[in-house]
N, C-alpha and C. Protein backbone atom coordinates (compact mmCIF):
# COMPACT_ATOMS: atom_id res chain seq x y z
N MET A 1 0.84 -1.18 0.00
CA MET A 1 0.00 0.00 0.00
C MET A 1 0.89 1.25 0.00
N GLU A 2 0.50 2.23 -0.80
CA GLU A 2 1.25 3.48 -0.92
C GLU A 2 1.20 4.24 0.41
N GLN A 3 2.35 4.73 0.82
CA GLN A 3 2.46 5.53 2.04
C GLN A 3 2.54 7.01 1.68
N PRO A 4 2.08 7.89 2.58
CA PRO A 4 2.22 9.33 2.30
C PRO A 4 3.70 9.71 2.34
N PRO A 5 4.07 10.72 1.58
CA PRO A 5 5.46 11.18 1.66
C PRO A 5 5.75 11.75 3.04
N PRO A 6 6.98 11.65 3.50
CA PRO A 6 7.31 12.26 4.79
C PRO A 6 7.06 13.76 4.75
N LEU A 7 6.58 14.31 5.84
CA LEU A 7 6.25 15.73 5.88
C LEU A 7 7.43 16.62 5.49
N HIS A 8 8.63 16.25 5.91
CA HIS A 8 9.79 17.10 5.61
C HIS A 8 10.10 17.16 4.12
N ARG A 9 9.44 16.32 3.31
CA ARG A 9 9.65 16.32 1.86
C ARG A 9 8.59 17.14 1.12
N LEU A 10 7.58 17.66 1.84
CA LEU A 10 6.47 18.36 1.20
C LEU A 10 6.61 19.88 1.28
N VAL A 11 6.11 20.53 0.25
CA VAL A 11 5.99 21.99 0.23
C VAL A 11 4.62 22.29 -0.35
N ASN A 12 3.85 23.11 0.35
CA ASN A 12 2.49 23.46 -0.09
C ASN A 12 2.54 24.75 -0.90
N LEU A 13 1.94 24.70 -2.10
CA LEU A 13 1.91 25.87 -2.99
C LEU A 13 0.51 26.45 -3.06
N ASP A 14 0.46 27.76 -3.30
CA ASP A 14 -0.81 28.40 -3.57
C ASP A 14 -0.58 29.54 -4.56
N PHE A 15 -1.40 29.57 -5.61
CA PHE A 15 -1.40 30.67 -6.57
C PHE A 15 -2.68 31.46 -6.42
N GLU A 16 -2.62 32.72 -6.73
CA GLU A 16 -3.80 33.55 -6.96
C GLU A 16 -3.76 33.92 -8.43
N GLY A 17 -4.94 34.07 -9.04
CA GLY A 17 -4.99 34.33 -10.46
C GLY A 17 -5.86 35.52 -10.82
N SER A 18 -5.74 35.92 -12.07
CA SER A 18 -6.53 37.04 -12.59
C SER A 18 -8.01 36.71 -12.64
N CYS A 19 -8.30 35.42 -12.74
CA CYS A 19 -9.65 34.87 -12.70
C CYS A 19 -9.46 33.36 -12.62
N TYR A 20 -10.54 32.62 -12.45
CA TYR A 20 -10.42 31.17 -12.53
C TYR A 20 -10.22 30.78 -14.00
N PRO A 21 -9.44 29.74 -14.26
CA PRO A 21 -9.23 29.32 -15.65
C PRO A 21 -10.54 29.05 -16.41
N SER A 22 -11.57 28.65 -15.71
CA SER A 22 -12.86 28.39 -16.37
C SER A 22 -13.56 29.68 -16.82
N GLU A 23 -13.09 30.84 -16.33
CA GLU A 23 -13.73 32.12 -16.65
C GLU A 23 -13.12 32.83 -17.85
N GLY A 24 -12.01 32.32 -18.35
CA GLY A 24 -11.34 32.97 -19.47
C GLY A 24 -9.86 32.68 -19.46
N LYS A 25 -9.10 33.50 -20.17
CA LYS A 25 -7.64 33.34 -20.20
C LYS A 25 -7.09 33.90 -18.89
N SER A 26 -6.71 33.00 -18.02
CA SER A 26 -6.32 33.34 -16.66
C SER A 26 -4.80 33.29 -16.50
N PHE A 27 -4.25 34.29 -15.83
CA PHE A 27 -2.81 34.30 -15.57
C PHE A 27 -2.54 34.43 -14.07
N PRO A 28 -1.35 33.95 -13.63
CA PRO A 28 -1.03 34.01 -12.21
C PRO A 28 -0.64 35.43 -11.80
N ILE A 29 -1.10 35.84 -10.62
CA ILE A 29 -0.76 37.18 -10.12
C ILE A 29 0.06 37.12 -8.83
N GLU A 30 0.03 35.96 -8.16
CA GLU A 30 0.79 35.79 -6.92
C GLU A 30 0.99 34.30 -6.69
N VAL A 31 2.15 33.94 -6.14
CA VAL A 31 2.41 32.55 -5.78
C VAL A 31 3.15 32.54 -4.45
N ALA A 32 2.88 31.52 -3.66
CA ALA A 32 3.60 31.32 -2.40
C ALA A 32 3.82 29.83 -2.19
N ALA A 33 4.86 29.54 -1.45
CA ALA A 33 5.20 28.17 -1.09
C ALA A 33 5.54 28.13 0.39
N CYS A 34 5.07 27.10 1.08
CA CYS A 34 5.36 26.92 2.50
C CYS A 34 5.91 25.51 2.71
N ARG A 35 7.15 25.43 3.19
CA ARG A 35 7.76 24.12 3.45
C ARG A 35 7.22 23.56 4.75
N LEU A 36 6.86 22.28 4.73
CA LEU A 36 6.35 21.65 5.94
C LEU A 36 7.47 21.34 6.92
N SER A 37 8.71 21.21 6.43
CA SER A 37 9.83 20.85 7.30
C SER A 37 10.10 21.91 8.36
N ASP A 38 10.05 23.18 7.97
CA ASP A 38 10.40 24.24 8.91
C ASP A 38 9.38 25.37 8.96
N GLY A 39 8.31 25.27 8.17
CA GLY A 39 7.27 26.30 8.16
C GLY A 39 7.66 27.57 7.44
N GLU A 40 8.86 27.60 6.86
CA GLU A 40 9.29 28.80 6.13
C GLU A 40 8.45 28.96 4.87
N ALA A 41 8.06 30.20 4.59
CA ALA A 41 7.25 30.48 3.40
C ALA A 41 7.86 31.64 2.64
N ARG A 42 7.65 31.61 1.34
CA ARG A 42 8.05 32.72 0.45
C ARG A 42 6.87 33.03 -0.45
N ALA A 43 6.73 34.29 -0.80
CA ALA A 43 5.64 34.71 -1.69
C ALA A 43 6.17 35.74 -2.69
N TRP A 44 5.58 35.73 -3.86
CA TRP A 44 5.96 36.64 -4.93
C TRP A 44 4.70 37.22 -5.58
N LEU A 45 4.65 38.54 -5.71
CA LEU A 45 3.68 39.16 -6.59
C LEU A 45 4.26 39.05 -7.99
N ILE A 46 3.42 38.75 -8.97
CA ILE A 46 3.89 38.50 -10.33
C ILE A 46 3.48 39.66 -11.24
N ARG A 47 4.47 40.32 -11.84
CA ARG A 47 4.18 41.38 -12.80
C ARG A 47 3.58 40.76 -14.05
N PRO A 48 2.45 41.28 -14.50
CA PRO A 48 1.83 40.71 -15.70
C PRO A 48 2.77 40.78 -16.91
N HIS A 49 2.89 39.67 -17.59
CA HIS A 49 3.71 39.56 -18.79
C HIS A 49 3.00 40.26 -19.94
N ALA A 50 3.76 40.79 -20.88
CA ALA A 50 3.17 41.48 -22.04
C ALA A 50 2.18 40.59 -22.80
N ASP A 51 2.45 39.28 -22.83
CA ASP A 51 1.54 38.36 -23.53
C ASP A 51 0.16 38.28 -22.87
N TRP A 52 0.05 38.70 -21.61
CA TRP A 52 -1.20 38.58 -20.87
C TRP A 52 -2.05 39.85 -20.94
N GLU A 53 -1.61 40.84 -21.71
CA GLU A 53 -2.25 42.15 -21.70
C GLU A 53 -3.76 42.10 -21.90
N ASP A 54 -4.24 41.31 -22.85
CA ASP A 54 -5.68 41.26 -23.07
C ASP A 54 -6.33 39.99 -22.52
N TRP A 55 -5.65 39.34 -21.55
CA TRP A 55 -6.24 38.18 -20.90
C TRP A 55 -7.27 38.67 -19.88
N THR A 56 -8.06 37.74 -19.38
CA THR A 56 -9.18 38.08 -18.50
C THR A 56 -8.71 38.59 -17.14
N TRP A 57 -9.30 39.71 -16.72
CA TRP A 57 -9.11 40.24 -15.37
C TRP A 57 -10.49 40.32 -14.75
N ASN A 58 -10.70 39.62 -13.64
CA ASN A 58 -12.00 39.55 -13.00
C ASN A 58 -12.05 40.56 -11.84
N PRO A 59 -12.86 41.61 -11.96
CA PRO A 59 -12.96 42.60 -10.87
C PRO A 59 -13.46 42.00 -9.56
N GLN A 60 -14.30 40.95 -9.63
CA GLN A 60 -14.76 40.30 -8.39
C GLN A 60 -13.59 39.59 -7.70
N ALA A 61 -12.71 38.97 -8.47
CA ALA A 61 -11.52 38.33 -7.88
C ALA A 61 -10.63 39.39 -7.24
N GLU A 62 -10.47 40.52 -7.92
CA GLU A 62 -9.67 41.61 -7.34
C GLU A 62 -10.26 42.08 -6.02
N ALA A 63 -11.59 42.14 -5.93
CA ALA A 63 -12.23 42.55 -4.68
C ALA A 63 -11.95 41.55 -3.56
N VAL A 64 -11.78 40.27 -3.90
CA VAL A 64 -11.51 39.24 -2.90
C VAL A 64 -10.06 39.29 -2.44
N HIS A 65 -9.11 39.27 -3.38
CA HIS A 65 -7.70 39.22 -2.99
C HIS A 65 -7.08 40.60 -2.78
N GLY A 66 -7.72 41.64 -3.28
CA GLY A 66 -7.24 43.00 -3.03
C GLY A 66 -6.03 43.41 -3.84
N LEU A 67 -5.70 42.68 -4.87
CA LEU A 67 -4.53 43.00 -5.70
C LEU A 67 -4.99 43.58 -7.03
N SER A 68 -4.63 44.82 -7.28
CA SER A 68 -5.00 45.45 -8.55
C SER A 68 -3.92 45.17 -9.59
N ARG A 69 -4.31 45.27 -10.83
CA ARG A 69 -3.35 45.10 -11.93
C ARG A 69 -2.29 46.20 -11.85
N ASP A 70 -2.67 47.41 -11.47
CA ASP A 70 -1.70 48.50 -11.32
C ASP A 70 -0.65 48.17 -10.25
N ARG A 71 -1.11 47.62 -9.14
CA ARG A 71 -0.16 47.25 -8.07
C ARG A 71 0.80 46.18 -8.57
N LEU A 72 0.28 45.20 -9.31
CA LEU A 72 1.15 44.15 -9.84
C LEU A 72 2.18 44.73 -10.80
N GLU A 73 1.77 45.72 -11.60
CA GLU A 73 2.71 46.38 -12.52
C GLU A 73 3.81 47.09 -11.74
N ARG A 74 3.45 47.74 -10.63
CA ARG A 74 4.42 48.49 -9.83
C ARG A 74 5.30 47.60 -8.96
N GLU A 75 4.69 46.63 -8.28
CA GLU A 75 5.40 45.87 -7.25
C GLU A 75 5.75 44.43 -7.64
N GLY A 76 5.16 43.96 -8.72
CA GLY A 76 5.36 42.57 -9.11
C GLY A 76 6.76 42.30 -9.65
N VAL A 77 7.12 41.04 -9.59
CA VAL A 77 8.41 40.56 -10.09
C VAL A 77 8.16 39.88 -11.44
N GLU A 78 9.08 40.07 -12.37
CA GLU A 78 8.88 39.49 -13.70
C GLU A 78 8.83 37.97 -13.61
N PRO A 79 8.02 37.34 -14.49
CA PRO A 79 7.74 35.90 -14.39
C PRO A 79 8.97 35.01 -14.34
N ARG A 80 9.99 35.28 -15.14
CA ARG A 80 11.17 34.40 -15.15
C ARG A 80 11.85 34.39 -13.78
N ARG A 81 12.01 35.56 -13.18
CA ARG A 81 12.65 35.63 -11.86
C ARG A 81 11.81 34.90 -10.81
N VAL A 82 10.47 35.09 -10.87
CA VAL A 82 9.59 34.39 -9.92
C VAL A 82 9.79 32.88 -10.07
N LEU A 83 9.77 32.40 -11.32
CA LEU A 83 9.89 30.95 -11.54
C LEU A 83 11.23 30.43 -11.04
N VAL A 84 12.31 31.14 -11.31
CA VAL A 84 13.64 30.71 -10.87
C VAL A 84 13.72 30.68 -9.34
N GLU A 85 13.23 31.73 -8.69
CA GLU A 85 13.29 31.78 -7.23
C GLU A 85 12.37 30.74 -6.59
N LEU A 86 11.18 30.57 -7.15
CA LEU A 86 10.26 29.54 -6.65
C LEU A 86 10.89 28.15 -6.79
N THR A 87 11.48 27.89 -7.94
CA THR A 87 12.12 26.59 -8.18
C THR A 87 13.23 26.34 -7.16
N GLY A 88 14.02 27.36 -6.87
CA GLY A 88 15.07 27.22 -5.87
C GLY A 88 14.51 26.95 -4.48
N PHE A 89 13.42 27.60 -4.14
CA PHE A 89 12.82 27.43 -2.81
C PHE A 89 12.25 26.03 -2.61
N VAL A 90 11.72 25.43 -3.67
CA VAL A 90 11.10 24.11 -3.54
C VAL A 90 12.04 22.97 -3.96
N ALA A 91 13.26 23.29 -4.32
CA ALA A 91 14.21 22.28 -4.81
C ALA A 91 14.32 21.10 -3.86
N GLY A 92 14.20 19.89 -4.41
CA GLY A 92 14.35 18.66 -3.65
C GLY A 92 13.10 18.27 -2.87
N LEU A 93 12.04 19.05 -2.97
CA LEU A 93 10.81 18.77 -2.24
C LEU A 93 9.70 18.36 -3.20
N GLU A 94 8.61 17.87 -2.64
CA GLU A 94 7.45 17.46 -3.43
C GLU A 94 6.37 18.52 -3.28
N PRO A 95 6.16 19.36 -4.30
CA PRO A 95 5.13 20.39 -4.22
C PRO A 95 3.73 19.78 -4.30
N VAL A 96 2.83 20.27 -3.43
CA VAL A 96 1.43 19.86 -3.45
C VAL A 96 0.56 21.10 -3.35
N SER A 97 -0.69 20.94 -3.77
CA SER A 97 -1.64 22.04 -3.74
C SER A 97 -3.04 21.48 -3.59
N ASP A 98 -3.94 22.33 -3.11
CA ASP A 98 -5.33 21.90 -2.97
C ASP A 98 -6.19 22.29 -4.16
N SER A 99 -5.56 22.82 -5.23
CA SER A 99 -6.32 23.27 -6.39
C SER A 99 -5.65 22.85 -7.69
N GLU A 100 -6.43 22.28 -8.59
CA GLU A 100 -5.91 21.93 -9.91
C GLU A 100 -5.55 23.18 -10.71
N SER A 101 -6.13 24.32 -10.38
CA SER A 101 -5.81 25.56 -11.08
C SER A 101 -4.34 25.94 -10.91
N ASP A 102 -3.73 25.53 -9.80
CA ASP A 102 -2.34 25.91 -9.57
C ASP A 102 -1.41 25.33 -10.63
N ALA A 103 -1.68 24.13 -11.12
CA ALA A 103 -0.86 23.55 -12.19
C ALA A 103 -1.02 24.38 -13.47
N HIS A 104 -2.23 24.86 -13.73
CA HIS A 104 -2.45 25.74 -14.89
C HIS A 104 -1.60 27.00 -14.76
N TRP A 105 -1.66 27.65 -13.59
CA TRP A 105 -0.92 28.89 -13.41
C TRP A 105 0.59 28.68 -13.43
N LEU A 106 1.07 27.53 -12.94
CA LEU A 106 2.50 27.23 -13.05
C LEU A 106 2.90 27.13 -14.52
N LYS A 107 2.08 26.49 -15.33
CA LYS A 107 2.37 26.36 -16.77
C LYS A 107 2.36 27.73 -17.45
N VAL A 108 1.38 28.57 -17.14
CA VAL A 108 1.32 29.91 -17.73
C VAL A 108 2.55 30.73 -17.32
N LEU A 109 2.95 30.63 -16.05
CA LEU A 109 4.14 31.32 -15.56
C LEU A 109 5.38 30.84 -16.30
N ALA A 110 5.52 29.53 -16.44
CA ALA A 110 6.69 28.96 -17.14
C ALA A 110 6.70 29.39 -18.61
N ASP A 111 5.54 29.37 -19.25
CA ASP A 111 5.47 29.81 -20.65
C ASP A 111 5.95 31.25 -20.79
N ALA A 112 5.51 32.12 -19.89
CA ALA A 112 5.92 33.53 -19.93
C ALA A 112 7.42 33.68 -19.70
N ALA A 113 7.98 32.77 -18.91
CA ALA A 113 9.43 32.79 -18.64
C ALA A 113 10.23 32.15 -19.77
N GLY A 114 9.53 31.53 -20.72
CA GLY A 114 10.22 30.85 -21.82
C GLY A 114 10.84 29.54 -21.39
N LEU A 115 10.28 28.92 -20.36
CA LEU A 115 10.82 27.68 -19.81
C LEU A 115 9.71 26.63 -19.70
N GLU A 116 10.12 25.39 -19.51
CA GLU A 116 9.17 24.32 -19.19
C GLU A 116 8.85 24.40 -17.70
N PRO A 117 7.66 23.96 -17.30
CA PRO A 117 7.40 23.91 -15.85
C PRO A 117 8.48 23.05 -15.18
N PRO A 118 9.10 23.57 -14.13
CA PRO A 118 10.24 22.90 -13.52
C PRO A 118 9.88 21.72 -12.62
N PHE A 119 8.60 21.56 -12.31
CA PHE A 119 8.16 20.47 -11.44
C PHE A 119 6.66 20.28 -11.66
N GLU A 120 6.18 19.15 -11.20
CA GLU A 120 4.74 18.89 -11.19
C GLU A 120 4.20 19.20 -9.81
N ILE A 121 2.95 19.59 -9.76
CA ILE A 121 2.31 19.87 -8.48
C ILE A 121 1.38 18.71 -8.17
N GLY A 122 1.65 18.03 -7.06
CA GLY A 122 0.80 16.94 -6.63
C GLY A 122 -0.43 17.45 -5.90
N SER A 123 -1.32 16.55 -5.62
CA SER A 123 -2.58 16.88 -4.96
C SER A 123 -2.47 16.70 -3.45
N SER A 124 -2.76 17.75 -2.70
CA SER A 124 -2.77 17.61 -1.24
C SER A 124 -3.92 16.69 -0.82
N ALA A 125 -5.00 16.64 -1.61
CA ALA A 125 -6.10 15.72 -1.30
C ALA A 125 -5.62 14.27 -1.37
N HIS A 126 -4.73 13.98 -2.33
CA HIS A 126 -4.17 12.62 -2.44
C HIS A 126 -3.31 12.31 -1.22
N VAL A 127 -2.51 13.26 -0.78
CA VAL A 127 -1.68 13.06 0.42
C VAL A 127 -2.58 12.83 1.63
N LEU A 128 -3.64 13.63 1.76
CA LEU A 128 -4.58 13.45 2.87
C LEU A 128 -5.23 12.07 2.82
N LYS A 129 -5.57 11.62 1.62
CA LYS A 129 -6.16 10.28 1.47
C LYS A 129 -5.19 9.21 1.97
N LEU A 130 -3.90 9.37 1.63
CA LEU A 130 -2.90 8.40 2.09
C LEU A 130 -2.73 8.43 3.61
N MET A 131 -3.13 9.57 4.23
CA MET A 131 -3.05 9.70 5.68
C MET A 131 -4.38 9.35 6.36
N GLY A 132 -5.33 8.83 5.60
CA GLY A 132 -6.56 8.35 6.21
C GLY A 132 -7.79 9.21 6.04
N ILE A 133 -7.67 10.32 5.34
CA ILE A 133 -8.84 11.16 5.08
C ILE A 133 -9.35 10.78 3.69
N ASP A 134 -10.29 9.87 3.66
CA ASP A 134 -10.80 9.35 2.40
C ASP A 134 -12.18 9.95 2.11
N GLY A 135 -12.60 9.81 0.88
CA GLY A 135 -13.93 10.30 0.52
C GLY A 135 -13.93 11.80 0.32
N GLN A 136 -15.05 12.45 0.59
CA GLN A 136 -15.18 13.90 0.45
C GLN A 136 -14.40 14.57 1.57
N THR A 137 -13.22 15.05 1.26
CA THR A 137 -12.28 15.57 2.25
C THR A 137 -12.94 16.54 3.23
N GLN A 138 -13.66 17.53 2.73
CA GLN A 138 -14.19 18.57 3.60
C GLN A 138 -15.29 18.08 4.53
N ASP A 139 -15.81 16.88 4.29
CA ASP A 139 -16.83 16.32 5.18
C ASP A 139 -16.22 15.48 6.31
N HIS A 140 -14.94 15.21 6.23
CA HIS A 140 -14.29 14.35 7.23
C HIS A 140 -14.05 15.15 8.52
N PRO A 141 -14.45 14.60 9.68
CA PRO A 141 -14.29 15.34 10.94
C PRO A 141 -12.85 15.76 11.25
N LEU A 142 -11.87 14.92 10.96
CA LEU A 142 -10.48 15.30 11.22
C LEU A 142 -10.06 16.45 10.32
N TRP A 143 -10.45 16.41 9.04
CA TRP A 143 -10.14 17.52 8.15
C TRP A 143 -10.79 18.80 8.66
N GLN A 144 -12.04 18.71 9.11
CA GLN A 144 -12.74 19.90 9.62
C GLN A 144 -12.03 20.48 10.83
N GLU A 145 -11.57 19.59 11.73
CA GLU A 145 -10.82 20.05 12.90
C GLU A 145 -9.50 20.70 12.48
N ALA A 146 -8.78 20.05 11.56
CA ALA A 146 -7.51 20.59 11.08
C ALA A 146 -7.73 21.93 10.39
N ASP A 147 -8.77 22.04 9.58
CA ASP A 147 -9.08 23.29 8.89
C ASP A 147 -9.38 24.40 9.90
N ARG A 148 -10.14 24.08 10.93
CA ARG A 148 -10.48 25.08 11.95
C ARG A 148 -9.21 25.57 12.66
N LEU A 149 -8.36 24.61 13.09
CA LEU A 149 -7.13 24.99 13.78
C LEU A 149 -6.19 25.77 12.86
N ALA A 150 -6.04 25.32 11.63
CA ALA A 150 -5.16 25.99 10.68
C ALA A 150 -5.66 27.40 10.37
N THR A 151 -6.97 27.55 10.27
CA THR A 151 -7.55 28.86 9.97
C THR A 151 -7.38 29.80 11.16
N GLU A 152 -7.42 29.28 12.38
CA GLU A 152 -7.15 30.11 13.56
C GLU A 152 -5.71 30.63 13.51
N ARG A 153 -4.78 29.77 13.12
CA ARG A 153 -3.35 30.15 13.07
C ARG A 153 -3.01 30.99 11.85
N HIS A 154 -3.71 30.72 10.75
CA HIS A 154 -3.45 31.40 9.48
C HIS A 154 -4.79 31.75 8.85
N PRO A 155 -5.41 32.84 9.27
CA PRO A 155 -6.74 33.18 8.78
C PRO A 155 -6.80 33.23 7.25
N ARG A 156 -7.94 32.82 6.73
CA ARG A 156 -8.15 32.86 5.28
C ARG A 156 -8.02 34.31 4.82
N ALA A 157 -7.16 34.52 3.86
CA ALA A 157 -6.93 35.87 3.38
C ALA A 157 -7.12 35.98 1.87
N HIS A 158 -7.29 34.84 1.20
CA HIS A 158 -7.35 34.82 -0.26
C HIS A 158 -6.14 35.51 -0.85
N ARG A 159 -5.02 35.32 -0.15
CA ARG A 159 -3.71 35.74 -0.63
C ARG A 159 -2.84 34.49 -0.56
N ALA A 160 -1.83 34.44 -1.41
CA ALA A 160 -1.07 33.21 -1.59
C ALA A 160 -0.33 32.75 -0.32
N GLU A 161 0.37 33.66 0.37
CA GLU A 161 1.18 33.19 1.51
C GLU A 161 0.33 32.66 2.66
N PRO A 162 -0.68 33.39 3.16
CA PRO A 162 -1.46 32.81 4.25
C PRO A 162 -2.19 31.53 3.82
N ASP A 163 -2.61 31.48 2.57
CA ASP A 163 -3.30 30.28 2.10
C ASP A 163 -2.32 29.10 1.99
N ALA A 164 -1.08 29.35 1.56
CA ALA A 164 -0.07 28.28 1.50
C ALA A 164 0.26 27.79 2.91
N ARG A 165 0.39 28.73 3.85
CA ARG A 165 0.67 28.35 5.26
C ARG A 165 -0.49 27.53 5.83
N ARG A 166 -1.72 27.96 5.55
CA ARG A 166 -2.89 27.25 6.05
C ARG A 166 -2.95 25.83 5.51
N GLY A 167 -2.70 25.66 4.21
CA GLY A 167 -2.70 24.33 3.61
C GLY A 167 -1.62 23.44 4.20
N ALA A 168 -0.44 24.01 4.44
CA ALA A 168 0.65 23.24 5.06
C ALA A 168 0.27 22.82 6.48
N GLU A 169 -0.36 23.73 7.20
CA GLU A 169 -0.78 23.44 8.58
C GLU A 169 -1.81 22.31 8.62
N ILE A 170 -2.75 22.31 7.69
CA ILE A 170 -3.75 21.23 7.62
C ILE A 170 -3.04 19.89 7.44
N LEU A 171 -2.09 19.83 6.52
CA LEU A 171 -1.34 18.58 6.30
C LEU A 171 -0.60 18.15 7.56
N ARG A 172 0.05 19.11 8.25
CA ARG A 172 0.80 18.79 9.48
C ARG A 172 -0.13 18.24 10.56
N ILE A 173 -1.27 18.90 10.76
CA ILE A 173 -2.20 18.48 11.82
C ILE A 173 -2.73 17.07 11.54
N VAL A 174 -3.17 16.82 10.31
CA VAL A 174 -3.69 15.49 9.97
C VAL A 174 -2.60 14.44 10.14
N ALA A 175 -1.39 14.74 9.69
CA ALA A 175 -0.28 13.78 9.83
C ALA A 175 -0.01 13.47 11.30
N GLU A 176 0.02 14.49 12.14
CA GLU A 176 0.26 14.28 13.57
C GLU A 176 -0.84 13.44 14.21
N ARG A 177 -2.10 13.75 13.90
CA ARG A 177 -3.23 13.05 14.50
C ARG A 177 -3.33 11.61 14.05
N ASN A 178 -2.84 11.33 12.84
CA ASN A 178 -2.93 9.96 12.32
C ASN A 178 -1.59 9.23 12.35
N GLY A 179 -0.62 9.76 13.11
CA GLY A 179 0.65 9.05 13.33
C GLY A 179 1.61 9.04 12.16
N PHE A 180 1.55 10.03 11.30
CA PHE A 180 2.47 10.12 10.17
C PHE A 180 3.53 11.19 10.34
N ALA A 181 3.53 11.87 11.46
CA ALA A 181 4.50 12.96 11.67
C ALA A 181 5.76 12.44 12.34
């Protein structure tokens, strides 16, 4: 039977996007990664690439995450640098995420950088399943407890870094409670 990866090998990723990929041509606007080994996290605002100029920008998403396109133009980091620094931060680890959209945004980021995606993003739901949270994850009592505790420590902000930290915390709590830590 497949075992979950050791926690010290995992890094939780979270992207924020201009819209959901199902809403149009969506590009990444922020990415963060949180290592489970030491809890260290890094986040990058992403300067929109010239190729994304007429891609979809959802004003409702902006209202949720609070990041304007103007702010990204002023404070964001160019996609190639973000990808290189992100790759260095997650080197040797197994990236996971709670959203399939994150793989889309990694690919869009890599394309803008003129590179291939440097890694695949695994499913945190699959890791949770290997740790005993089977079925509809959000209905499982242990997941609900872990989500509550993680949200107390890292309130939902709809920003990449707190969301990456929250996802990492959920994995840590479930692993500890089920004897995988």
